[in-house]
Amino acid sequence: MMVERIILGRGKTASKDGSEVWLRTFYQVEAVLDQGDDLQEVRLKLERMLTQWLSGEETLPETEIPKLDLAELDQLPWTAYKTKEPAKEGEAGWIFANTKGAEELVKAMQKCEGKLELGAYEYRFSGKEKQFIARKPVKK
């Protein structure tokens, strides 16, 4: 028997934050074997890759991780939603995404699909054109 390709799928179901909401994640990959490929070795590589994806252990190469300084982020001109005054430490607020000094935060958020939890805050893009960055304190 000649095996020409391997299709491998793996999934997991997990409770979201211990609530009654369950999330299902499933990945499927296909490998086309070249002559001389070891079938078992290719299968094990695919299984390790899927296991890593499902465990969330995937990491960006060091060169792709933006360097963020929490103190510098706190110094950005965050505006409080209610008072329209400068936001105090620990208070929700917003800035324009093109604010000088927020460039690395924007890059990091883009790599995290627009949402990033860092330090005491969660940062998200907001606005129709994602022209704002919103921050809110993380609930503990």
Protein backbone atom coordinates (compact mmCIF):
# COMPACT_ATOMS: atom_id res chain seq x y z
CA MET A 1 0.00 0.00 0.00
CA MET A 2 1.33 3.44 -0.97
CA VAL A 3 0.32 6.34 1.32
CA GLU A 4 0.47 9.66 -0.53
CA ARG A 5 -1.05 12.03 2.02
CA ILE A 6 -1.98 12.22 5.68
CA ILE A 7 -4.94 14.19 6.99
CA LEU A 8 -4.91 14.64 10.73
CA GLY A 9 -7.43 16.48 12.89
CA ARG A 10 -7.51 17.26 16.55
CA GLY A 11 -9.85 19.33 18.71
CA LYS A 12 -10.76 20.28 22.23
CA THR A 13 -13.77 21.67 24.02
CA ALA A 14 -13.26 23.96 26.99
CA SER A 15 -15.40 26.00 29.33
CA LYS A 16 -14.97 29.75 28.88
CA ASP A 17 -13.88 31.26 32.21
CA GLY A 18 -15.57 28.47 34.18
CA SER A 19 -19.00 29.51 32.91
CA GLU A 20 -21.62 27.44 31.17
CA VAL A 21 -20.35 28.66 27.80
CA TRP A 22 -18.28 26.03 26.02
CA LEU A 23 -15.94 26.70 23.14
CA ARG A 24 -14.95 24.09 20.56
CA THR A 25 -11.62 24.43 18.78
CA PHE A 26 -10.71 22.06 15.95
CA TYR A 27 -7.72 22.05 13.63
CA GLN A 28 -7.13 19.82 10.65
CA VAL A 29 -3.94 19.62 8.60
CA GLU A 30 -2.99 17.71 5.50
CA ALA A 31 0.51 16.69 4.48
CA VAL A 32 1.42 15.44 1.02
CA LEU A 33 4.23 12.93 1.33
CA ASP A 34 7.26 13.05 -0.89
CA GLN A 35 9.09 9.90 -1.88
CA GLY A 36 11.37 8.93 0.98
CA ASP A 37 9.33 10.66 3.72
CA ASP A 38 8.94 8.54 6.84
CA LEU A 39 5.18 8.12 7.39
CA GLN A 40 5.46 7.81 11.19
CA GLU A 41 7.78 10.81 11.48
CA VAL A 42 5.45 13.03 9.44
CA ARG A 43 2.44 11.89 11.48
CA LEU A 44 4.22 12.61 14.77
CA LYS A 45 5.26 16.08 13.56
CA LEU A 46 1.66 16.88 12.62
CA GLU A 47 0.38 15.61 15.97
CA ARG A 48 2.93 17.73 17.88
CA MET A 49 1.96 20.78 15.83
CA LEU A 50 -1.77 20.32 16.49
CA THR A 51 -1.17 19.66 20.19
CA GLN A 52 0.88 22.86 20.43
CA TRP A 53 -1.85 24.87 18.69
CA LEU A 54 -4.56 23.52 21.00
CA SER A 55 -2.52 24.07 24.15
CA GLY A 56 -1.93 27.73 23.28
CA GLU A 57 1.82 27.30 23.72
CA GLU A 58 2.49 28.89 20.38
CA THR A 59 4.91 31.76 20.74
CA LEU A 60 6.06 34.44 18.36
CA PRO A 61 9.74 34.54 17.48
CA GLU A 62 11.56 36.97 19.80
CA THR A 63 12.07 39.45 16.94
CA GLU A 64 8.31 39.69 16.35
CA ILE A 65 7.32 40.46 19.95
CA PRO A 66 6.95 44.23 20.37
CA LYS A 67 8.68 45.67 23.43
CA LEU A 68 6.10 47.39 25.62
CA ASP A 69 6.85 49.41 28.72
CA LEU A 70 3.86 49.52 31.08
CA ALA A 71 4.98 52.83 32.55
CA GLU A 72 5.12 54.38 29.07
CA LEU A 73 1.63 53.06 28.29
CA ASP A 74 0.33 54.69 31.48
CA GLN A 75 1.82 58.01 30.35
CA LEU A 76 -0.20 58.08 27.12
CA PRO A 77 -3.00 60.70 27.12
CA TRP A 78 -5.85 58.37 28.11
CA THR A 79 -9.22 60.14 28.27
CA ALA A 80 -11.87 58.98 30.76
CA TYR A 81 -15.21 58.08 29.18
CA LYS A 82 -17.44 59.74 31.77
CA THR A 83 -15.59 62.94 32.58
CA LYS A 84 -13.71 63.50 29.29
CA GLU A 85 -10.78 64.46 31.55
CA PRO A 86 -7.42 62.67 31.67
CA ALA A 87 -8.03 59.14 32.96
CA LYS A 88 -6.66 58.33 36.38
CA GLU A 89 -4.59 55.26 37.16
CA GLY A 90 -6.82 52.18 37.15
CA GLU A 91 -9.60 53.97 35.23
CA ALA A 92 -11.01 52.97 31.83
CA GLY A 93 -10.16 55.32 28.99
CA TRP A 94 -9.36 55.76 25.33
CA ILE A 95 -6.80 57.29 22.98
CA PHE A 96 -6.55 57.66 19.22
CA ALA A 97 -4.75 54.67 17.67
CA ASN A 98 -2.33 57.03 15.93
CA THR A 99 -1.26 58.69 19.19
CA LYS A 100 2.49 59.29 19.31
CA GLY A 101 4.01 56.69 21.65
CA ALA A 102 1.29 54.07 21.02
CA GLU A 103 2.94 52.55 17.92
CA GLU A 104 4.27 49.43 19.67
CA LEU A 105 0.94 48.90 21.45
CA VAL A 106 -0.84 49.03 18.08
CA LYS A 107 1.60 46.47 16.61
CA ALA A 108 1.15 44.15 19.59
CA MET A 109 -2.64 44.44 19.41
CA GLN A 110 -2.63 43.67 15.67
CA LYS A 111 -0.69 40.47 16.35
CA CYS A 112 -3.28 39.53 19.00
CA GLU A 113 -6.32 40.09 16.78
CA GLY A 114 -7.11 43.49 18.27
CA LYS A 115 -7.26 42.52 21.94
CA LEU A 116 -4.39 42.47 24.42
CA GLU A 117 -4.32 41.96 28.18
CA LEU A 118 -1.23 43.53 29.63
CA GLY A 119 -0.54 44.51 33.22
CA ALA A 120 -3.66 45.88 34.92
CA TYR A 121 -5.53 46.60 31.67
CA GLU A 122 -7.16 45.02 28.67
CA TYR A 123 -6.60 46.98 25.44
CA ARG A 124 -8.91 46.75 22.40
CA PHE A 125 -9.40 48.59 19.15
CA SER A 126 -12.70 50.46 18.91
CA GLY A 127 -14.54 52.67 16.46
CA LYS A 128 -15.91 51.82 13.01
CA GLU A 129 -12.45 52.07 11.49
CA LYS A 130 -10.58 50.89 14.59
CA GLN A 131 -9.28 54.42 15.01
CA PHE A 132 -9.33 54.27 18.82
CA ILE A 133 -7.70 52.15 21.49
CA ALA A 134 -9.84 51.47 24.55
CA ARG A 135 -8.41 50.34 27.85
CA LYS A 136 -10.29 48.92 30.79
CA PRO A 137 -9.07 47.52 34.08
CA VAL A 138 -8.82 43.75 34.21
CA LYS A 139 -11.23 42.20 36.72
CA LYS A 140 -9.44 40.08 39.26
